[in-house]
Amino acid sequence: MADNYLEKHREEYEKRKARYLLRKRHIKPCPIHLQKPEDEAL
């Protein structure tokens, strides 16, 4: 194997991780709107 095999894969991993974290920060969770009935005895 080449000497820089692990270093190259580590760099690729760090780039993918950075892209994932940036994308993750920009995604807003969708709030779930539950509608309660006016009269809960129904």
Protein backbone atom coordinates (compact mmCIF):
# COMPACT_ATOMS: atom_id res chain seq x y z
CA MET A 1 0.00 0.00 0.00
CA ALA A 2 0.99 3.56 -0.52
CA ASP A 3 2.33 5.47 2.46
CA ASN A 4 -0.34 8.13 2.24
CA TYR A 5 -3.29 5.73 1.95
CA LEU A 6 -4.63 6.39 5.44
CA GLU A 7 -3.97 10.11 5.25
CA LYS A 8 -5.85 10.37 1.95
CA HIS A 9 -8.84 8.50 3.30
CA ARG A 10 -8.81 10.56 6.48
CA GLU A 11 -8.89 13.80 4.43
CA GLU A 12 -11.80 12.49 2.34
CA TYR A 13 -13.63 11.52 5.52
CA GLU A 14 -13.10 14.95 7.05
CA LYS A 15 -14.45 16.64 3.89
CA ARG A 16 -17.55 14.42 3.83
CA LYS A 17 -18.09 15.02 7.54
CA ALA A 18 -17.83 18.79 7.13
CA ARG A 19 -20.35 18.74 4.25
CA TYR A 20 -22.73 16.59 6.31
CA LEU A 21 -22.51 18.88 9.34
CA LEU A 22 -23.13 21.99 7.22
CA ARG A 23 -26.15 20.38 5.59
CA LYS A 24 -27.41 19.12 8.94
CA ARG A 25 -27.28 22.65 10.41
CA HIS A 26 -29.35 24.10 7.56
CA ILE A 27 -32.14 21.53 7.78
CA LYS A 28 -34.90 22.81 10.01
CA PRO A 29 -37.02 20.19 11.76
CA CYS A 30 -40.62 20.25 10.65
CA PRO A 31 -42.83 21.09 13.61
CA ILE A 32 -45.68 18.67 14.08
CA HIS A 33 -48.95 20.53 14.52
CA LEU A 34 -51.45 18.45 16.42
CA GLN A 35 -54.99 19.71 16.45
CA LYS A 36 -56.70 19.25 19.76
CA PRO A 37 -60.47 18.97 19.70
CA GLU A 38 -62.26 21.83 21.43
CA ASP A 39 -64.12 19.41 23.66
CA GLU A 40 -61.80 16.63 24.79
CA ALA A 41 -64.74 14.59 26.15
CA LEU A 42 -65.73 13.68 22.59
